[in-house]
Amino acid sequence: MLITAVEQYIATRRALGFKLVEQNRRLRHFAAFAAARGEDHVRVATVLEWAAQAPSPHARHIRCRDLRRFARFAHAEDPLHERIVGDPLPHRWRRPLPHIYTADEIGRMLAAARSIRETFSMKRQIVATFVGLVATTGMRFSEALRLRLDDIHPDGHLVVRMTKFRKSRLVPLHATTREALARYLAKRRRQKGQNVYLFPASRGNTHVSEPTMRNAFHEAQEIAGIAKRNGRFPRVHDLRHTFATRSLERCAHRGKDVARHHLALTTYLGHANPQDTYWYLQATPSLMQDTASATESLMWTVTP
């Protein structure tokens, strides 16, 4: 059956280190779609019909891309699976332009987090600490949510374990962040018992869910008067963009430090390669110009 081939494909790629969470969901959805038509092999026509049901050109392209990779794997095992040649549903995706928060906006959000609706114990302190931690470390949204108490080390760093790309890394904390985190932990340990997570949920031994934290973050933004863009508030992830941009700004005029600082930031943020960090320059034209000028100056001062 088609679902068996899907499971074999997912198991094989996960053994190579890929997580494939969303891909697994989409491929299983396709297998059910094909099975409802009495099909147990990949058919290009069925793939296109299924992909066409996605809500946007980008989503349709992603569906087709996932099936193209799966079909290539399945065809090698059973030639009755049809391969998808080329890119039948091309789409050029553009990253959304990030919102770079000002220091004033972050300060207002931290203050506003202490005024949100207290729908569960310590919600205000949890949200305020979460916002402050992400803003000062540049961690990914999911990384911060999944932090455990034993990831906080007394020597002043966090351990971010097995996140994107199955990588772990150390995240040093500024002295002021350590102090704020210590105040939060003192109260959190008294009120949340045996829960092992830094940002505990109201029930069970787990962390606050992504939707709950996202909704609370938007509530704080509304209280803080953060302006919407195209009808939406800036994302939590934009705090990470802000951290990276501000960090690069600090070295933009120091020519000899540009490359070294850029590589250090790549490691700190947990990026797979420096190209991912380079995108922050592209997203901030003034920063791109400053860094380019510093790099050009450095090149002209190097002795052949």
Protein backbone atom coordinates (compact mmCIF):
# COMPACT_ATOMS: atom_id res chain seq x y z
CA MET A 1 0.00 0.00 0.00
CA LEU A 2 1.03 3.61 -0.55
CA ILE A 3 1.11 4.40 3.18
CA THR A 4 3.71 1.65 3.65
CA ALA A 5 5.97 3.30 1.09
CA VAL A 6 5.48 6.64 2.85
CA GLU A 7 6.49 5.13 6.19
CA GLN A 8 9.59 3.53 4.66
CA TYR A 9 10.60 6.83 3.06
CA ILE A 10 10.13 8.81 6.28
CA ALA A 11 12.02 6.19 8.34
CA THR A 12 14.91 6.17 5.87
CA ARG A 13 15.33 9.95 5.82
CA ARG A 14 14.93 10.28 9.58
CA ALA A 15 17.72 7.75 9.98
CA LEU A 16 19.85 10.24 8.04
CA GLY A 17 19.02 13.02 10.52
CA PHE A 18 15.96 14.71 8.97
CA LYS A 19 12.95 15.45 11.18
CA LEU A 20 10.34 15.70 8.41
CA VAL A 21 7.46 16.60 10.72
CA GLU A 22 5.37 18.56 8.23
CA GLN A 23 6.48 16.41 5.29
CA ASN A 24 5.28 13.31 7.14
CA ARG A 25 1.90 14.91 7.71
CA ARG A 26 1.56 15.96 4.07
CA LEU A 27 2.65 12.60 2.64
CA ARG A 28 0.23 10.74 4.88
CA HIS A 29 -2.53 13.09 3.76
CA PHE A 30 -1.68 12.34 0.13
CA ALA A 31 -1.63 8.58 0.79
CA ALA A 32 -5.16 8.81 2.22
CA PHE A 33 -6.24 10.97 -0.72
CA ALA A 34 -4.92 8.42 -3.23
CA ALA A 35 -6.34 5.47 -1.28
CA ALA A 36 -9.81 7.05 -1.44
CA ARG A 37 -9.46 6.79 -5.24
CA GLY A 38 -8.43 3.16 -5.05
CA GLU A 39 -4.80 3.93 -5.93
CA ASP A 40 -1.80 2.32 -4.23
CA HIS A 41 0.93 3.92 -6.37
CA VAL A 42 1.94 7.50 -7.07
CA ARG A 43 0.14 8.92 -10.09
CA VAL A 44 1.20 12.32 -11.41
CA ALA A 45 -2.39 13.32 -12.20
CA THR A 46 -3.45 12.48 -8.65
CA VAL A 47 -0.52 14.42 -7.21
CA LEU A 48 -1.49 17.53 -9.17
CA GLU A 49 -5.14 17.19 -8.18
CA TRP A 50 -4.18 16.85 -4.52
CA ALA A 51 -1.66 19.71 -4.65
CA ALA A 52 -4.25 21.98 -6.28
CA GLN A 53 -6.36 21.79 -3.10
CA ALA A 54 -3.73 23.70 -1.09
CA PRO A 55 -4.74 27.27 -0.17
CA SER A 56 -1.88 29.20 -1.84
CA PRO A 57 0.62 28.96 -4.73
CA HIS A 58 3.43 28.44 -2.23
CA ALA A 59 1.57 25.65 -0.42
CA ARG A 60 0.79 23.96 -3.75
CA HIS A 61 4.46 24.16 -4.72
CA ILE A 62 5.50 22.62 -1.37
CA ARG A 63 3.07 19.73 -1.80
CA CYS A 64 4.39 19.00 -5.27
CA ARG A 65 8.01 19.26 -4.10
CA ASP A 66 7.42 16.77 -1.27
CA LEU A 67 5.76 14.30 -3.62
CA ARG A 68 8.50 14.67 -6.23
CA ARG A 69 11.12 13.60 -3.69
CA PHE A 70 8.97 10.80 -2.34
CA ALA A 71 8.08 9.53 -5.82
CA ARG A 72 11.76 9.32 -6.78
CA PHE A 73 12.40 7.16 -3.70
CA ALA A 74 9.32 5.00 -4.25
CA HIS A 75 10.05 4.50 -7.97
CA ALA A 76 13.48 3.06 -7.14
CA GLU A 77 11.72 0.34 -5.13
CA ASP A 78 8.74 -0.12 -7.43
CA PRO A 79 8.73 1.24 -11.03
CA LEU A 80 4.92 1.38 -10.97
CA HIS A 81 5.22 4.61 -9.00
CA GLU A 82 5.29 7.49 -11.47
CA ARG A 83 8.10 10.01 -11.13
CA ILE A 84 7.34 13.73 -11.25
CA VAL A 85 9.56 15.40 -13.82
CA GLY A 86 10.57 19.03 -13.36
CA ASP A 87 8.49 21.43 -11.30
CA PRO A 88 4.85 21.30 -12.44
CA LEU A 89 3.77 23.98 -9.94
CA PRO A 90 6.65 26.46 -9.74
CA HIS A 91 6.51 29.28 -7.25
CA ARG A 92 9.13 31.72 -6.08
CA TRP A 93 8.77 32.21 -2.35
CA ARG A 94 10.01 35.38 -0.74
CA ARG A 95 10.80 35.66 2.91
CA PRO A 96 8.56 38.17 4.66
CA LEU A 97 10.35 41.39 5.47
CA PRO A 98 11.11 41.26 9.21
CA HIS A 99 10.07 43.90 11.68
CA ILE A 100 13.12 45.19 13.55
CA TYR A 101 11.88 46.14 17.01
CA THR A 102 13.16 49.32 18.60
CA ALA A 103 14.43 49.24 22.19
CA ASP A 104 11.37 51.26 23.16
CA GLU A 105 8.99 48.72 21.59
CA ILE A 106 10.64 45.84 23.43
CA GLY A 107 10.49 47.77 26.70
CA ARG A 108 6.79 48.49 26.18
CA MET A 109 6.07 44.82 25.43
CA LEU A 110 7.89 43.72 28.59
CA ALA A 111 5.80 46.16 30.63
CA ALA A 112 2.61 45.15 28.83
CA ALA A 113 3.24 41.45 29.48
CA ARG A 114 2.70 42.19 33.18
CA SER A 115 -0.80 43.46 32.39
CA ILE A 116 -2.16 40.63 30.23
CA ARG A 117 -5.07 38.51 31.40
CA GLU A 118 -3.93 36.06 34.09
CA THR A 119 -5.67 32.94 32.72
CA PHE A 120 -3.27 30.58 34.53
CA SER A 121 -0.77 30.81 37.37
CA MET A 122 2.30 32.96 36.68
CA LYS A 123 1.18 33.71 33.13
CA ARG A 124 2.33 37.33 33.31
CA GLN A 125 5.78 36.46 34.66
CA ILE A 126 6.14 33.61 32.15
CA VAL A 127 5.31 35.80 29.15
CA ALA A 128 7.46 38.71 30.31
CA THR A 129 10.45 36.43 30.93
CA PHE A 130 9.92 34.65 27.62
CA VAL A 131 9.89 37.95 25.69
CA GLY A 132 12.96 39.22 27.50
CA LEU A 133 14.90 35.98 27.01
CA VAL A 134 14.19 35.72 23.28
CA ALA A 135 14.97 39.42 22.78
CA THR A 136 18.34 39.18 24.54
CA THR A 137 19.49 35.81 23.16
CA GLY A 138 17.96 35.61 19.68
CA MET A 139 16.72 32.08 20.33
CA ARG A 140 14.08 30.54 18.11
CA PHE A 141 10.52 30.58 19.44
CA SER A 142 10.41 26.78 19.83
CA GLU A 143 13.87 26.66 21.43
CA ALA A 144 12.87 29.04 24.21
CA LEU A 145 9.58 27.24 24.87
CA ARG A 146 11.29 23.87 25.24
CA LEU A 147 13.98 24.98 27.69
CA ARG A 148 14.15 22.86 30.82
CA LEU A 149 15.27 23.93 34.27
CA ASP A 150 18.45 21.87 34.00
CA ASP A 151 19.34 23.76 30.79
CA ILE A 152 20.03 26.84 32.95
CA HIS A 153 23.61 26.61 34.17
CA PRO A 154 24.89 28.58 37.18
CA ASP A 155 27.98 29.75 35.27
CA GLY A 156 25.78 31.99 33.11
CA HIS A 157 24.75 30.10 29.98
CA LEU A 158 21.89 28.08 28.54
CA VAL A 159 22.08 24.74 26.78
CA VAL A 160 19.82 24.59 23.74
CA ARG A 161 19.46 20.88 23.00
CA MET A 162 18.83 19.06 19.73
CA THR A 163 16.75 21.69 17.98
CA LYS A 164 16.68 22.60 14.30
CA PHE A 165 19.16 20.51 12.27
CA ARG A 166 19.51 18.25 15.38
CA LYS A 167 22.17 20.53 16.80
CA SER A 168 22.85 21.57 20.38
CA ARG A 169 24.69 24.71 21.42
CA LEU A 170 25.62 26.90 24.37
CA VAL A 171 24.04 30.36 24.68
CA PRO A 172 25.87 32.74 27.05
CA LEU A 173 23.69 35.20 28.94
CA HIS A 174 24.33 38.86 29.69
CA ALA A 175 24.59 39.72 33.38
CA THR A 176 21.29 41.63 33.36
CA THR A 177 19.54 38.67 31.70
CA ARG A 178 20.95 36.31 34.33
CA GLU A 179 19.66 38.56 37.09
CA ALA A 180 16.16 38.78 35.59
CA LEU A 181 16.11 35.01 35.02
CA ALA A 182 17.20 34.35 38.62
CA ARG A 183 14.31 36.47 39.94
CA TYR A 184 11.87 34.60 37.74
CA LEU A 185 13.27 31.18 38.76
CA ALA A 186 12.96 31.97 42.45
CA LYS A 187 9.20 32.46 42.08
CA ARG A 188 8.75 29.77 39.44
CA ARG A 189 10.25 27.02 41.62
CA ARG A 190 7.96 27.92 44.52
CA GLN A 191 4.76 27.84 42.49
CA LYS A 192 5.18 25.20 39.78
CA GLY A 193 6.31 22.17 41.76
CA GLN A 194 7.86 19.29 39.84
CA ASN A 195 7.36 20.61 36.30
CA VAL A 196 10.78 20.42 34.60
CA TYR A 197 10.21 23.14 32.00
CA LEU A 198 11.34 26.75 32.32
CA PHE A 199 7.98 27.98 30.98
CA PRO A 200 5.53 25.44 32.47
CA ALA A 201 2.02 24.85 31.25
CA SER A 202 -0.91 25.19 33.63
CA ARG A 203 -1.42 21.42 33.65
CA GLY A 204 0.85 18.42 33.30
CA ASN A 205 4.61 18.18 33.10
CA THR A 206 4.97 20.09 29.85
CA HIS A 207 5.67 23.59 28.57
CA VAL A 208 3.30 26.36 27.53
CA SER A 209 1.94 25.54 24.09
CA GLU A 210 2.95 27.55 21.03
CA PRO A 211 -0.59 28.87 20.37
CA THR A 212 -0.97 29.97 24.01
CA MET A 213 2.36 31.79 24.03
CA ARG A 214 1.74 33.33 20.61
CA ASN A 215 -1.69 34.64 21.65
CA ALA A 216 -0.28 36.06 24.88
CA PHE A 217 2.53 37.72 22.93
CA HIS A 218 0.03 39.38 20.60
CA GLU A 219 -2.04 40.49 23.59
CA ALA A 220 1.06 42.18 25.03
CA GLN A 221 1.74 43.81 21.66
CA GLU A 222 -1.78 45.21 21.57
CA ILE A 223 -1.48 46.62 25.09
CA ALA A 224 1.94 48.07 24.19
CA GLY A 225 0.53 49.78 21.11
CA ILE A 226 2.75 47.95 18.62
CA ALA A 227 1.56 48.88 15.12
CA LYS A 228 0.22 46.19 12.83
CA ARG A 229 1.49 45.73 9.29
CA ASN A 230 -0.92 44.45 6.65
CA GLY A 231 -3.39 43.73 9.42
CA ARG A 232 -0.98 41.61 11.49
CA PHE A 233 1.25 42.17 14.46
CA PRO A 234 5.01 41.60 14.02
CA ARG A 235 5.97 38.00 14.75
CA VAL A 236 7.69 36.54 17.81
CA HIS A 237 10.39 35.40 15.38
CA ASP A 238 11.10 39.05 14.56
CA LEU A 239 12.74 39.32 17.98
CA ARG A 240 15.37 36.91 16.64
CA HIS A 241 15.78 39.06 13.53
CA THR A 242 16.14 42.11 15.75
CA PHE A 243 18.83 40.47 17.88
CA ALA A 244 20.85 39.46 14.81
CA THR A 245 20.50 42.85 13.14
CA ARG A 246 21.47 44.84 16.24
CA SER A 247 24.41 42.52 16.81
CA LEU A 248 25.70 43.02 13.27
CA GLU A 249 25.16 46.77 13.52
CA ARG A 250 27.64 46.95 16.39
CA CYS A 251 30.48 45.69 14.22
CA ALA A 252 29.44 47.20 10.88
CA HIS A 253 32.10 49.91 10.98
CA ARG A 254 34.93 47.76 12.35
CA GLY A 255 36.32 46.30 9.15
CA LYS A 256 38.65 43.70 10.65
CA ASP A 257 35.89 42.30 12.87
CA VAL A 258 33.19 41.88 10.22
CA ALA A 259 33.97 38.34 9.05
CA ARG A 260 34.88 37.11 12.53
CA HIS A 261 31.75 38.55 14.10
CA HIS A 262 29.55 37.20 11.31
CA LEU A 263 30.87 33.66 11.80
CA ALA A 264 30.47 33.91 15.59
CA LEU A 265 26.87 35.05 15.17
CA THR A 266 26.19 32.13 12.81
CA THR A 267 27.34 29.73 15.53
CA TYR A 268 25.50 31.59 18.30
CA LEU A 269 22.18 31.55 16.43
CA GLY A 270 22.51 27.88 15.50
CA HIS A 271 22.43 28.47 11.75
CA ALA A 272 23.48 25.64 9.46
CA ASN A 273 25.80 27.88 7.46
CA PRO A 274 26.90 31.55 7.27
CA GLN A 275 24.61 32.15 4.29
CA ASP A 276 21.59 31.95 6.60
CA THR A 277 23.05 34.72 8.77
CA TYR A 278 23.96 36.76 5.70
CA TRP A 279 20.25 37.11 4.98
CA TYR A 280 19.96 39.57 7.89
CA LEU A 281 22.23 41.90 5.93
CA GLN A 282 20.07 41.58 2.83
CA ALA A 283 16.94 42.33 4.86
CA THR A 284 18.47 45.55 6.25
CA PRO A 285 19.74 47.74 3.37
CA SER A 286 21.52 50.29 5.58
CA LEU A 287 23.33 47.50 7.41
CA MET A 288 24.24 45.89 4.09
CA GLN A 289 25.75 49.16 2.88
CA ASP A 290 27.71 49.71 6.10
CA THR A 291 29.11 46.19 6.09
CA ALA A 292 29.97 46.36 2.39
CA SER A 293 31.84 49.63 2.97
CA ALA A 294 33.73 48.15 5.91
CA THR A 295 34.62 45.05 3.91
CA GLU A 296 35.79 47.12 0.93
CA SER A 297 37.97 49.24 3.22
CA LEU A 298 39.44 46.10 4.75
CA MET A 299 40.27 44.63 1.32
CA TRP A 300 42.10 47.80 0.23
CA THR A 301 44.21 47.81 3.39
CA VAL A 302 45.41 44.22 2.94
CA THR A 303 48.95 44.05 1.65
CA PRO A 304 49.22 41.84 -1.50
